[in-house]
Amino acid sequence: MSLLHRYWYTFKGPPPFNPLGLGCGVTAYDDVDAAKILAATIFVKHGILDVEAVVEDVDVRGLDKHHVIPNIGDVSRRGVWFPQGYY
């Protein structure tokens, strides 16, 4: 059985007034799986965004406490957990 990893993406020039300005959280089997999830969800809605940085196995406790933490989905399930609405 493969373990899941939490990835935190930040993007260069995300759309204005969009939660992607804070970043995007994805749980996946590996970085290739995470990229496929982004392509099938986030990039379908917003177009392909240039990735600025990726943190593998991110500790969600260190993410923005005012906007991200109160609005994350289930980080233990495969898929996008921030922003929500991309399952």
C-alpha atoms as a PDB file:
ATOM      1  CA  MET A   1       0.000   0.000   0.000  1.00  0.00           C
ATOM      2  CA  SER A   2       1.360   3.437  -0.936  1.00  0.00           C
ATOM      3  CA  LEU A   3       1.497   6.207   1.619  1.00  0.00           C
ATOM      4  CA  LEU A   4      -0.095   9.550   0.907  1.00  0.00           C
ATOM      5  CA  HIS A   5       1.872  12.801   1.080  1.00  0.00           C
ATOM      6  CA  ARG A   6       0.663  16.360   1.623  1.00  0.00           C
ATOM      7  CA  TYR A   7       1.943  18.862  -0.955  1.00  0.00           C
ATOM      8  CA  TRP A   8       1.721  22.632  -0.672  1.00  0.00           C
ATOM      9  CA  TYR A   9       2.049  24.568  -3.924  1.00  0.00           C
ATOM     10  CA  THR A  10       2.592  28.273  -4.387  1.00  0.00           C
ATOM     11  CA  PHE A  11       2.166  29.872  -7.789  1.00  0.00           C
ATOM     12  CA  LYS A  12       3.635  32.775  -9.718  1.00  0.00           C
ATOM     13  CA  GLY A  13       0.963  35.321 -10.599  1.00  0.00           C
ATOM     14  CA  PRO A  14      -2.251  33.597  -9.513  1.00  0.00           C
ATOM     15  CA  PRO A  15      -5.567  35.201 -10.484  1.00  0.00           C
ATOM     16  CA  PRO A  16      -6.395  38.335  -8.450  1.00  0.00           C
ATOM     17  CA  PHE A  17      -8.736  37.899  -5.465  1.00  0.00           C
ATOM     18  CA  ASN A  18      -8.341  34.137  -5.657  1.00  0.00           C
ATOM     19  CA  PRO A  19      -7.486  31.765  -2.806  1.00  0.00           C
ATOM     20  CA  LEU A  20      -4.694  30.360  -4.997  1.00  0.00           C
ATOM     21  CA  GLY A  21      -2.779  33.498  -4.035  1.00  0.00           C
ATOM     22  CA  LEU A  22      -2.300  31.788  -0.662  1.00  0.00           C
ATOM     23  CA  GLY A  23      -1.342  28.474  -2.248  1.00  0.00           C
ATOM     24  CA  CYS A  24      -2.876  25.103  -2.932  1.00  0.00           C
ATOM     25  CA  GLY A  25      -2.868  21.924  -0.854  1.00  0.00           C
ATOM     26  CA  VAL A  26      -2.981  18.472  -2.445  1.00  0.00           C
ATOM     27  CA  THR A  27      -2.699  15.015  -0.940  1.00  0.00           C
ATOM     28  CA  ALA A  28      -1.300  12.425  -3.333  1.00  0.00           C
ATOM     29  CA  TYR A  29       0.769   9.247  -3.605  1.00  0.00           C
ATOM     30  CA  ASP A  30       3.794  11.103  -5.031  1.00  0.00           C
ATOM     31  CA  ASP A  31       4.737  14.300  -6.861  1.00  0.00           C
ATOM     32  CA  VAL A  32       3.612  12.914 -10.232  1.00  0.00           C
ATOM     33  CA  ASP A  33       0.206  11.998  -8.794  1.00  0.00           C
ATOM     34  CA  ALA A  34      -0.058  15.470  -7.204  1.00  0.00           C
ATOM     35  CA  ALA A  35       0.688  17.115 -10.567  1.00  0.00           C
ATOM     36  CA  LYS A  36      -2.032  14.994 -12.213  1.00  0.00           C
ATOM     37  CA  ILE A  37      -4.535  16.061  -9.555  1.00  0.00           C
ATOM     38  CA  LEU A  38      -3.620  19.742 -10.107  1.00  0.00           C
ATOM     39  CA  ALA A  39      -3.996  19.338 -13.878  1.00  0.00           C
ATOM     40  CA  ALA A  40      -7.405  17.671 -13.537  1.00  0.00           C
ATOM     41  CA  THR A  41      -8.811  20.156 -11.024  1.00  0.00           C
ATOM     42  CA  ILE A  42      -7.142  23.511 -10.394  1.00  0.00           C
ATOM     43  CA  PHE A  43      -5.667  23.993 -13.870  1.00  0.00           C
ATOM     44  CA  VAL A  44      -8.937  23.044 -15.575  1.00  0.00           C
ATOM     45  CA  LYS A  45     -10.680  25.937 -13.833  1.00  0.00           C
ATOM     46  CA  HIS A  46      -7.879  28.531 -13.727  1.00  0.00           C
ATOM     47  CA  GLY A  47      -5.608  27.532 -16.594  1.00  0.00           C
ATOM     48  CA  ILE A  48      -2.074  26.311 -16.102  1.00  0.00           C
ATOM     49  CA  LEU A  49      -0.256  28.331 -13.477  1.00  0.00           C
ATOM     50  CA  ASP A  50       3.514  28.502 -13.075  1.00  0.00           C
ATOM     51  CA  VAL A  51       4.538  26.741  -9.885  1.00  0.00           C
ATOM     52  CA  GLU A  52       6.802  28.862  -7.719  1.00  0.00           C
ATOM     53  CA  ALA A  53       7.490  26.270  -5.012  1.00  0.00           C
ATOM     54  CA  VAL A  54       6.341  22.875  -3.752  1.00  0.00           C
ATOM     55  CA  VAL A  55       6.683  21.570  -0.204  1.00  0.00           C
ATOM     56  CA  GLU A  56       6.326  17.811   0.184  1.00  0.00           C
ATOM     57  CA  ASP A  57       4.922  16.488   3.474  1.00  0.00           C
ATOM     58  CA  VAL A  58       3.989  19.997   4.526  1.00  0.00           C
ATOM     59  CA  ASP A  59       3.059  20.473   8.182  1.00  0.00           C
ATOM     60  CA  VAL A  60      -0.350  22.111   7.840  1.00  0.00           C
ATOM     61  CA  ARG A  61       0.018  23.696  11.279  1.00  0.00           C
ATOM     62  CA  GLY A  62       2.544  26.081   9.706  1.00  0.00           C
ATOM     63  CA  LEU A  63       0.155  27.353   7.023  1.00  0.00           C
ATOM     64  CA  ASP A  64      -1.736  30.654   7.198  1.00  0.00           C
ATOM     65  CA  LYS A  65      -3.763  30.563  10.411  1.00  0.00           C
ATOM     66  CA  HIS A  66      -6.293  33.179   9.343  1.00  0.00           C
ATOM     67  CA  HIS A  67      -7.321  31.948   5.902  1.00  0.00           C
ATOM     68  CA  VAL A  68      -5.899  28.507   5.111  1.00  0.00           C
ATOM     69  CA  ILE A  69      -6.253  26.580   8.385  1.00  0.00           C
ATOM     70  CA  PRO A  70      -9.935  27.451   8.948  1.00  0.00           C
ATOM     71  CA  ASN A  71     -10.764  26.526   5.334  1.00  0.00           C
ATOM     72  CA  ILE A  72      -8.888  23.300   4.639  1.00  0.00           C
ATOM     73  CA  GLY A  73     -10.575  20.058   3.763  1.00  0.00           C
ATOM     74  CA  ASP A  74      -9.540  16.567   4.804  1.00  0.00           C
ATOM     75  CA  VAL A  75      -5.759  16.393   4.363  1.00  0.00           C
ATOM     76  CA  SER A  76      -5.775  12.635   4.907  1.00  0.00           C
ATOM     77  CA  ARG A  77      -7.688  11.924   1.679  1.00  0.00           C
ATOM     78  CA  ARG A  78      -6.241  11.982  -1.822  1.00  0.00           C
ATOM     79  CA  GLY A  79      -7.174  15.194  -3.643  1.00  0.00           C
ATOM     80  CA  VAL A  80      -7.213  18.971  -3.263  1.00  0.00           C
ATOM     81  CA  TRP A  81      -7.816  20.157   0.291  1.00  0.00           C
ATOM     82  CA  PHE A  82      -7.170  23.869  -0.219  1.00  0.00           C
ATOM     83  CA  PRO A  83      -8.933  25.626  -1.664  1.00  0.00           C
ATOM     84  CA  GLN A  84     -11.951  23.412  -1.200  1.00  0.00           C
ATOM     85  CA  GLY A  85     -14.402  22.581  -3.946  1.00  0.00           C
ATOM     86  CA  TYR A  86     -12.150  20.620  -6.323  1.00  0.00           C
ATOM     87  CA  TYR A  87     -12.998  17.004  -5.451  1.00  0.00           C
END
